[in-house]
């Protein structure tokens, strides 16, 4: 039975049943979607097309040349810097200079703590400390600097 609005227009009366759902617009996908708007794959994951990746070119490794500097000369007499290194990082496109410091704050470069020049400076420092330790042990074993052959009382060895 049709109902009449007050303005005189006629509309269809609905019964207690739900109206039939409308079809999706043309071009809309009917497959389920993941978050982000991508379609979920139907079937096995192995059926998807795979992108072939060619062999990667090796990234040329940069080389580091480490030079120890005197912290008092470079930073001043009142500095807290214990060790100072100049590092030249040789890249494919040029050379980049770094200053690496070791003080009460730890190891850091002028470019930041995460700079790649910090690791070679630490390694160089450890090698130098090992050499100095070996030299100290050899001096202690001989009783003197070992350069003149004298004993601890100033006499020559037999």
N, C-alpha and C. Protein backbone atom coordinates (compact mmCIF):
# COMPACT_ATOMS: atom_id res chain seq x y z
N UNK A 1 0.85 -1.17 0.00
CA UNK A 1 0.00 0.00 0.00
C UNK A 1 0.89 1.24 0.00
N UNK A 2 0.61 2.20 -0.79
CA UNK A 2 1.40 3.41 -0.93
C UNK A 2 0.96 4.43 0.10
N UNK A 3 1.96 5.17 0.60
CA UNK A 3 1.65 6.22 1.54
C UNK A 3 1.84 7.57 0.87
N UNK A 4 1.16 8.53 1.32
CA UNK A 4 1.24 9.86 0.74
C UNK A 4 1.88 10.79 1.77
N UNK A 5 2.94 11.50 1.31
CA UNK A 5 3.55 12.49 2.19
C UNK A 5 2.66 13.71 2.23
N UNK A 6 2.96 14.56 3.17
CA UNK A 6 2.15 15.75 3.31
C UNK A 6 2.24 16.64 2.08
N UNK A 7 3.40 16.63 1.42
CA UNK A 7 3.56 17.47 0.25
C UNK A 7 2.87 16.87 -0.96
N UNK A 8 2.41 15.65 -0.85
CA UNK A 8 1.69 15.04 -1.94
C UNK A 8 2.47 14.00 -2.70
N UNK A 9 3.76 13.78 -2.39
CA UNK A 9 4.55 12.77 -3.09
C UNK A 9 4.20 11.40 -2.54
N UNK A 10 4.27 10.41 -3.40
CA UNK A 10 3.92 9.05 -3.02
C UNK A 10 5.20 8.24 -2.84
N UNK A 11 5.30 7.46 -1.76
CA UNK A 11 6.46 6.59 -1.56
C UNK A 11 5.98 5.20 -1.23
N UNK A 12 6.89 4.20 -1.43
CA UNK A 12 6.53 2.80 -1.22
C UNK A 12 6.71 2.48 0.26
N UNK A 13 5.75 1.83 0.84
CA UNK A 13 5.83 1.44 2.25
C UNK A 13 6.68 0.19 2.37
N UNK A 14 7.53 0.13 3.39
CA UNK A 14 8.39 -1.04 3.60
C UNK A 14 7.73 -1.95 4.61
N UNK A 15 7.89 -3.23 4.36
CA UNK A 15 7.38 -4.18 5.33
C UNK A 15 8.47 -4.39 6.39
N UNK A 16 8.34 -5.28 7.31
CA UNK A 16 9.29 -5.53 8.38
C UNK A 16 10.56 -6.20 7.90
N UNK A 17 10.66 -6.61 6.62
CA UNK A 17 11.84 -7.29 6.10
C UNK A 17 12.92 -6.27 5.72
N UNK A 18 14.18 -6.71 5.79
CA UNK A 18 15.30 -5.87 5.39
C UNK A 18 15.31 -5.71 3.87
N UNK A 19 15.80 -4.60 3.42
CA UNK A 19 15.91 -4.36 1.98
C UNK A 19 17.12 -5.13 1.46
N UNK A 20 17.07 -5.52 0.19
CA UNK A 20 18.15 -6.26 -0.44
C UNK A 20 19.38 -5.35 -0.57
N UNK A 21 20.57 -5.91 -0.26
CA UNK A 21 21.80 -5.13 -0.33
C UNK A 21 22.11 -4.76 -1.76
N UNK A 22 22.65 -3.56 -1.92
CA UNK A 22 23.00 -3.09 -3.27
C UNK A 22 24.29 -3.76 -3.71
N UNK A 23 24.47 -3.88 -5.01
CA UNK A 23 25.70 -4.41 -5.57
C UNK A 23 26.81 -3.37 -5.46
N UNK A 24 28.05 -3.85 -5.42
CA UNK A 24 29.21 -2.96 -5.36
C UNK A 24 29.33 -2.22 -6.68
N UNK A 25 29.89 -1.02 -6.66
CA UNK A 25 30.06 -0.29 -7.91
C UNK A 25 31.02 -1.02 -8.86
N UNK A 26 30.90 -0.72 -10.12
CA UNK A 26 31.72 -1.37 -11.13
C UNK A 26 33.19 -1.04 -10.87
N UNK A 27 34.07 -2.06 -10.96
CA UNK A 27 35.49 -1.86 -10.76
C UNK A 27 35.93 -2.09 -9.32
N UNK A 28 34.98 -2.28 -8.42
CA UNK A 28 35.36 -2.52 -7.03
C UNK A 28 35.76 -3.98 -6.87
N UNK A 29 36.70 -4.21 -5.97
CA UNK A 29 37.19 -5.56 -5.75
C UNK A 29 36.25 -6.30 -4.83
N UNK A 30 36.10 -7.58 -5.08
CA UNK A 30 35.25 -8.39 -4.20
C UNK A 30 36.08 -9.23 -3.25
N UNK A 31 37.45 -9.29 -3.45
CA UNK A 31 38.31 -10.09 -2.58
C UNK A 31 38.51 -9.38 -1.24
N UNK A 32 38.83 -10.14 -0.22
CA UNK A 32 39.09 -9.56 1.09
C UNK A 32 40.39 -8.75 1.04
N UNK A 33 40.47 -7.71 1.83
CA UNK A 33 41.64 -6.84 1.80
C UNK A 33 42.34 -6.84 3.15
N UNK A 34 43.68 -6.74 3.08
CA UNK A 34 44.48 -6.59 4.29
C UNK A 34 44.49 -5.13 4.68
N UNK A 35 45.06 -4.86 5.85
CA UNK A 35 45.26 -3.48 6.25
C UNK A 35 46.25 -2.84 5.29
N UNK A 36 46.01 -1.64 4.92
CA UNK A 36 46.90 -0.98 3.98
C UNK A 36 46.34 -1.00 2.57
N UNK A 37 45.20 -1.65 2.35
CA UNK A 37 44.55 -1.60 1.06
C UNK A 37 45.02 -2.63 0.06
N UNK A 38 45.90 -3.57 0.43
CA UNK A 38 46.36 -4.57 -0.54
C UNK A 38 45.44 -5.77 -0.48
N UNK A 39 45.30 -6.41 -1.61
CA UNK A 39 44.48 -7.62 -1.67
C UNK A 39 45.18 -8.78 -1.00
N UNK A 40 44.45 -9.62 -0.34
CA UNK A 40 45.00 -10.85 0.20
C UNK A 40 45.14 -11.84 -0.94
N UNK A 41 46.19 -12.60 -0.91
CA UNK A 41 46.43 -13.58 -1.96
C UNK A 41 45.46 -14.74 -1.78
N UNK A 42 44.89 -15.17 -2.86
CA UNK A 42 44.01 -16.34 -2.81
C UNK A 42 44.85 -17.55 -3.15
N UNK A 43 44.82 -18.56 -2.32
CA UNK A 43 45.59 -19.76 -2.60
C UNK A 43 46.93 -19.71 -1.91
N UNK A 44 47.88 -20.48 -2.43
CA UNK A 44 49.20 -20.58 -1.81
C UNK A 44 50.02 -19.33 -2.06
N UNK A 45 50.86 -19.02 -1.10
CA UNK A 45 51.71 -17.83 -1.23
C UNK A 45 52.74 -18.02 -2.32
N UNK A 46 53.12 -19.26 -2.62
CA UNK A 46 54.13 -19.54 -3.63
C UNK A 46 53.66 -19.25 -5.04
N UNK A 47 52.38 -19.04 -5.25
CA UNK A 47 51.87 -18.80 -6.59
C UNK A 47 52.05 -17.36 -7.04
N UNK A 48 52.46 -16.50 -6.11
CA UNK A 48 52.63 -15.10 -6.48
C UNK A 48 53.86 -14.95 -7.36
N UNK A 49 53.84 -13.95 -8.19
CA UNK A 49 55.00 -13.67 -9.03
C UNK A 49 56.14 -13.12 -8.18
N UNK A 50 57.33 -13.62 -8.37
CA UNK A 50 58.47 -13.17 -7.59
C UNK A 50 59.34 -12.28 -8.45
N UNK A 51 59.85 -11.23 -7.84
CA UNK A 51 60.73 -10.31 -8.54
C UNK A 51 62.13 -10.88 -8.50
N UNK A 52 62.77 -10.95 -9.65
CA UNK A 52 64.14 -11.46 -9.71
C UNK A 52 65.10 -10.31 -9.42
N UNK A 53 65.97 -10.54 -8.46
CA UNK A 53 66.95 -9.53 -8.08
C UNK A 53 68.29 -9.97 -8.63
N UNK A 54 68.94 -9.07 -9.34
CA UNK A 54 70.24 -9.37 -9.91
C UNK A 54 71.31 -9.38 -8.83
N UNK A 55 72.51 -9.79 -9.17
CA UNK A 55 73.58 -9.81 -8.17
C UNK A 55 73.89 -8.38 -7.71
N UNK A 56 74.05 -8.24 -6.40
CA UNK A 56 74.33 -6.91 -5.85
C UNK A 56 75.80 -6.58 -6.04
N UNK A 57 76.05 -5.33 -6.36
CA UNK A 57 77.43 -4.88 -6.47
C UNK A 57 77.99 -4.70 -5.07
N UNK A 58 79.19 -5.18 -4.82
CA UNK A 58 79.76 -4.99 -3.48
C UNK A 58 80.03 -3.51 -3.23
N UNK A 59 79.66 -3.07 -2.04
CA UNK A 59 79.91 -1.69 -1.66
C UNK A 59 81.40 -1.55 -1.35
N UNK A 60 82.07 -0.61 -2.00
CA UNK A 60 83.51 -0.49 -1.75
C UNK A 60 83.75 -0.08 -0.30
N UNK A 61 84.56 -0.87 0.38
CA UNK A 61 84.84 -0.58 1.78
C UNK A 61 85.78 0.60 1.87
N UNK A 62 85.51 1.46 2.82
CA UNK A 62 86.41 2.60 3.00
C UNK A 62 87.60 2.16 3.84
N UNK A 63 88.74 2.75 3.54
CA UNK A 63 89.95 2.43 4.30
C UNK A 63 90.27 3.61 5.21
N UNK A 64 90.79 3.29 6.39
CA UNK A 64 91.08 4.31 7.39
C UNK A 64 92.58 4.37 7.64
N UNK A 65 93.14 5.57 7.64
CA UNK A 65 94.53 5.80 7.99
C UNK A 65 94.55 6.59 9.29
N UNK A 66 95.12 5.98 10.33
CA UNK A 66 95.08 6.54 11.67
C UNK A 66 96.43 7.19 12.01
N UNK A 67 96.37 8.39 12.55
CA UNK A 67 97.55 9.11 13.02
C UNK A 67 97.29 9.58 14.45
N UNK A 68 98.18 9.22 15.37
CA UNK A 68 98.04 9.67 16.76
C UNK A 68 98.54 11.10 16.88
N UNK A 69 97.79 11.92 17.61
CA UNK A 69 98.17 13.31 17.83
C UNK A 69 98.36 13.55 19.33
N UNK A 70 99.06 14.62 19.66
CA UNK A 70 99.27 14.99 21.06
C UNK A 70 98.08 15.85 21.52
N UNK A 71 97.30 15.37 22.49
CA UNK A 71 96.12 16.12 22.91
C UNK A 71 96.46 17.48 23.53
N UNK A 72 97.58 17.57 24.25
CA UNK A 72 97.94 18.84 24.88
C UNK A 72 98.29 19.90 23.83
N UNK A 73 98.93 19.49 22.75
CA UNK A 73 99.30 20.44 21.70
C UNK A 73 98.06 20.91 20.93
N UNK A 74 97.16 19.99 20.65
CA UNK A 74 96.00 20.33 19.82
C UNK A 74 94.86 20.95 20.62
N UNK A 75 94.64 20.47 21.87
CA UNK A 75 93.48 20.91 22.64
C UNK A 75 93.82 21.88 23.76
N UNK A 76 95.09 22.04 24.07
CA UNK A 76 95.49 22.93 25.15
C UNK A 76 95.96 22.16 26.37
N UNK A 77 96.67 22.88 27.26
CA UNK A 77 97.28 22.24 28.43
C UNK A 77 96.24 21.75 29.43
N UNK A 78 95.11 22.42 29.54
CA UNK A 78 94.10 22.04 30.53
C UNK A 78 93.04 21.08 30.02
N UNK A 79 93.32 20.37 28.95
CA UNK A 79 92.31 19.51 28.35
C UNK A 79 92.12 18.22 29.14
N UNK A 80 90.93 17.66 29.05
CA UNK A 80 90.65 16.36 29.68
C UNK A 80 90.79 15.22 28.67
N UNK A 81 91.15 15.56 27.42
CA UNK A 81 91.31 14.54 26.38
C UNK A 81 92.57 13.73 26.68
N UNK A 82 92.41 12.41 26.75
CA UNK A 82 93.53 11.53 27.04
C UNK A 82 94.22 11.05 25.77
N UNK A 83 93.41 10.78 24.73
CA UNK A 83 93.96 10.33 23.45
C UNK A 83 93.24 11.08 22.33
N UNK A 84 93.98 11.38 21.27
CA UNK A 84 93.43 12.10 20.13
C UNK A 84 94.01 11.50 18.86
N UNK A 85 93.15 11.23 17.89
CA UNK A 85 93.56 10.62 16.63
C UNK A 85 92.98 11.39 15.46
N UNK A 86 93.79 11.56 14.42
CA UNK A 86 93.28 12.06 13.15
C UNK A 86 93.14 10.86 12.24
N UNK A 87 91.98 10.74 11.63
CA UNK A 87 91.70 9.59 10.77
C UNK A 87 91.28 10.10 9.41
N UNK A 88 91.95 9.61 8.37
CA UNK A 88 91.56 9.90 7.00
C UNK A 88 90.81 8.71 6.45
N UNK A 89 89.54 8.92 6.16
CA UNK A 89 88.70 7.86 5.60
C UNK A 89 88.73 8.00 4.09
N UNK A 90 89.30 7.02 3.42
CA UNK A 90 89.42 7.06 1.97
C UNK A 90 88.26 6.32 1.35
N UNK A 91 87.40 7.06 0.68
CA UNK A 91 86.23 6.52 0.01
C UNK A 91 86.48 6.48 -1.49
N UNK A 92 85.53 5.91 -2.22
CA UNK A 92 85.66 5.85 -3.67
C UNK A 92 85.60 7.25 -4.29
N UNK A 93 84.87 8.16 -3.64
CA UNK A 93 84.69 9.49 -4.21
C UNK A 93 85.56 10.57 -3.54
N UNK A 94 86.47 10.18 -2.65
CA UNK A 94 87.34 11.18 -2.03
C UNK A 94 87.79 10.78 -0.64
N UNK A 95 88.33 11.76 0.08
CA UNK A 95 88.85 11.54 1.43
C UNK A 95 88.06 12.40 2.40
N UNK A 96 87.75 11.82 3.56
CA UNK A 96 87.03 12.54 4.61
C UNK A 96 87.88 12.49 5.88
N UNK A 97 88.10 13.64 6.49
CA UNK A 97 88.94 13.72 7.68
C UNK A 97 88.07 13.64 8.94
N UNK A 98 88.60 12.97 9.97
CA UNK A 98 87.92 12.82 11.25
C UNK A 98 88.91 13.14 12.37
N UNK A 99 88.40 13.67 13.48
CA UNK A 99 89.15 13.78 14.72
C UNK A 99 88.42 12.94 15.75
N UNK A 100 89.09 11.95 16.29
CA UNK A 100 88.48 11.05 17.28
C UNK A 100 89.14 11.30 18.62
N UNK A 101 88.29 11.50 19.63
CA UNK A 101 88.74 11.84 20.97
C UNK A 101 88.43 10.72 21.95
N UNK A 102 89.28 10.58 22.97
CA UNK A 102 88.96 9.72 24.10
C UNK A 102 89.21 10.54 25.36
N UNK A 103 88.15 10.74 26.13
CA UNK A 103 88.26 11.47 27.39
C UNK A 103 87.25 10.90 28.37
N UNK A 104 86.92 11.64 29.41
CA UNK A 104 86.01 11.13 30.45
C UNK A 104 84.62 10.80 29.90
N UNK A 105 84.29 11.31 28.72
CA UNK A 105 83.00 11.03 28.10
C UNK A 105 83.03 9.77 27.24
N UNK A 106 84.21 9.20 27.03
CA UNK A 106 84.35 8.00 26.20
C UNK A 106 84.90 8.35 24.83
N UNK A 107 84.69 7.44 23.88
CA UNK A 107 85.18 7.59 22.52
C UNK A 107 84.13 8.31 21.69
N UNK A 108 84.56 9.32 20.92
CA UNK A 108 83.64 9.99 20.02
C UNK A 108 84.42 10.74 18.94
N UNK A 109 83.75 10.91 17.84
CA UNK A 109 84.31 11.64 16.70
C UNK A 109 83.68 13.02 16.67
N UNK A 110 84.29 13.92 15.91
CA UNK A 110 83.69 15.24 15.75
C UNK A 110 82.35 15.14 15.01
N UNK A 111 82.12 14.04 14.31
CA UNK A 111 80.87 13.84 13.59
C UNK A 111 79.82 13.10 14.42
N UNK A 112 80.18 12.64 15.61
CA UNK A 112 79.23 11.96 16.49
C UNK A 112 79.77 10.62 16.96
N UNK A 113 79.08 10.05 17.93
CA UNK A 113 79.51 8.76 18.52
C UNK A 113 79.38 7.60 17.54
N UNK A 114 78.42 7.69 16.63
CA UNK A 114 78.15 6.59 15.70
C UNK A 114 78.97 6.69 14.41
N UNK A 115 79.91 7.61 14.37
CA UNK A 115 80.74 7.78 13.17
C UNK A 115 81.58 6.52 12.96
N UNK A 116 81.75 6.07 11.72
CA UNK A 116 82.52 4.85 11.47
C UNK A 116 84.01 4.98 11.77
N UNK A 117 84.51 6.18 12.02
CA UNK A 117 85.93 6.37 12.30
C UNK A 117 86.29 6.05 13.74
N UNK A 118 85.31 5.90 14.62
CA UNK A 118 85.60 5.64 16.04
C UNK A 118 86.19 4.25 16.22
N UNK A 119 85.67 3.26 15.53
CA UNK A 119 86.15 1.87 15.69
C UNK A 119 87.62 1.71 15.31
N UNK A 120 88.10 2.24 14.18
CA UNK A 120 89.53 2.11 13.88
C UNK A 120 90.43 2.82 14.90
N UNK A 121 89.96 3.92 15.46
CA UNK A 121 90.75 4.63 16.47
C UNK A 121 90.90 3.79 17.73
N UNK A 122 89.81 3.15 18.15
CA UNK A 122 89.86 2.26 19.32
C UNK A 122 90.83 1.12 19.08
N UNK A 123 90.73 0.53 17.90
CA UNK A 123 91.58 -0.62 17.55
C UNK A 123 93.06 -0.20 17.55
N UNK A 124 93.35 0.94 16.96
CA UNK A 124 94.72 1.46 16.92
C UNK A 124 95.23 1.71 18.34
N UNK A 125 94.39 2.28 19.18
CA UNK A 125 94.77 2.56 20.56
C UNK A 125 95.10 1.28 21.32
N UNK A 126 94.29 0.24 21.11
CA UNK A 126 94.54 -1.04 21.79
C UNK A 126 95.86 -1.65 21.34
N UNK A 127 96.17 -1.55 20.05
CA UNK A 127 97.44 -2.08 19.54
C UNK A 127 98.62 -1.34 20.15
N UNK A 128 98.52 -0.02 20.24
CA UNK A 128 99.59 0.78 20.81
C UNK A 128 99.79 0.44 22.28
N UNK A 129 98.68 0.26 23.01
CA UNK A 129 98.79 -0.07 24.43
C UNK A 129 99.43 -1.44 24.63
N UNK A 130 99.15 -2.41 23.76
CA UNK A 130 99.76 -3.73 23.87
C UNK A 130 101.27 -3.64 23.64
N UNK A 131 101.68 -2.87 22.65
CA UNK A 131 103.11 -2.70 22.36
C UNK A 131 103.81 -2.04 23.54
N UNK A 132 103.20 -1.01 24.11
CA UNK A 132 103.79 -0.33 25.25
C UNK A 132 103.90 -1.26 26.46
N UNK A 133 102.91 -2.11 26.64
CA UNK A 133 102.92 -3.05 27.76
C UNK A 133 104.06 -4.05 27.60
N UNK A 134 104.26 -4.55 26.40
CA UNK A 134 105.35 -5.49 26.14
C UNK A 134 106.69 -4.82 26.38
N UNK A 135 106.84 -3.57 25.97
CA UNK A 135 108.09 -2.85 26.19
C UNK A 135 108.36 -2.65 27.67
N UNK A 136 107.33 -2.37 28.46
CA UNK A 136 107.49 -2.20 29.90
C UNK A 136 107.93 -3.49 30.56
N UNK A 137 107.35 -4.60 30.13
CA UNK A 137 107.70 -5.90 30.69
C UNK A 137 109.16 -6.22 30.39
N UNK A 138 109.61 -5.95 29.17
CA UNK A 138 111.00 -6.25 28.82
C UNK A 138 111.97 -5.37 29.61
N UNK A 139 111.60 -4.13 29.88
CA UNK A 139 112.45 -3.24 30.67
C UNK A 139 112.53 -3.76 32.10
N UNK A 140 111.42 -4.18 32.66
CA UNK A 140 111.40 -4.69 34.02
C UNK A 140 112.21 -5.98 34.14
N UNK A 141 112.20 -6.80 33.12
CA UNK A 141 112.93 -8.07 33.15
C UNK A 141 114.43 -7.84 33.14
N UNK A 142 114.89 -6.80 32.47
CA UNK A 142 116.31 -6.53 32.37
C UNK A 142 116.80 -5.59 33.46
N UNK A 143 115.92 -4.98 34.21
CA UNK A 143 116.32 -4.12 35.31
C UNK A 143 116.59 -2.68 34.92
N UNK A 144 116.69 -2.40 33.63
CA UNK A 144 116.89 -1.03 33.19
C UNK A 144 116.36 -0.90 31.77
N UNK A 145 116.72 0.15 31.12
CA UNK A 145 116.19 0.37 29.77
C UNK A 145 116.80 -0.59 28.77
N UNK A 146 117.88 -1.27 29.11
CA UNK A 146 118.47 -2.27 28.22
C UNK A 146 119.35 -1.66 27.16
N UNK A 147 119.55 -0.36 27.18
CA UNK A 147 120.31 0.26 26.11
C UNK A 147 121.82 0.27 26.40
N UNK A 148 122.22 0.30 27.69
CA UNK A 148 123.64 0.44 27.96
C UNK A 148 124.27 -0.79 28.62
N UNK A 149 123.52 -1.78 28.99
CA UNK A 149 124.07 -3.01 29.55
C UNK A 149 124.52 -2.92 30.99
N UNK A 150 124.15 -1.85 31.71
CA UNK A 150 124.56 -1.70 33.10
C UNK A 150 123.56 -2.42 34.02
N UNK A 151 124.07 -2.85 35.18
CA UNK A 151 123.18 -3.44 36.18
C UNK A 151 122.56 -2.34 37.01
N UNK A 152 121.74 -2.72 37.98
CA UNK A 152 121.04 -1.73 38.80
C UNK A 152 121.99 -0.90 39.67
N UNK A 153 123.20 -1.41 39.95
CA UNK A 153 124.16 -0.66 40.74
C UNK A 153 125.15 0.12 39.86
N UNK A 154 124.97 0.09 38.57
CA UNK A 154 125.81 0.91 37.69
C UNK A 154 127.00 0.17 37.12
N UNK A 155 127.20 -1.09 37.50
CA UNK A 155 128.35 -1.84 36.98
C UNK A 155 127.96 -2.60 35.72
N UNK A 156 128.97 -2.93 34.97
CA UNK A 156 128.74 -3.72 33.76
C UNK A 156 128.41 -5.16 34.11
N UNK A 157 127.64 -5.78 33.27
CA UNK A 157 127.31 -7.18 33.46
C UNK A 157 128.51 -8.04 33.05
N UNK A 158 128.65 -9.19 33.67
CA UNK A 158 129.77 -10.07 33.37
C UNK A 158 129.59 -10.78 32.06
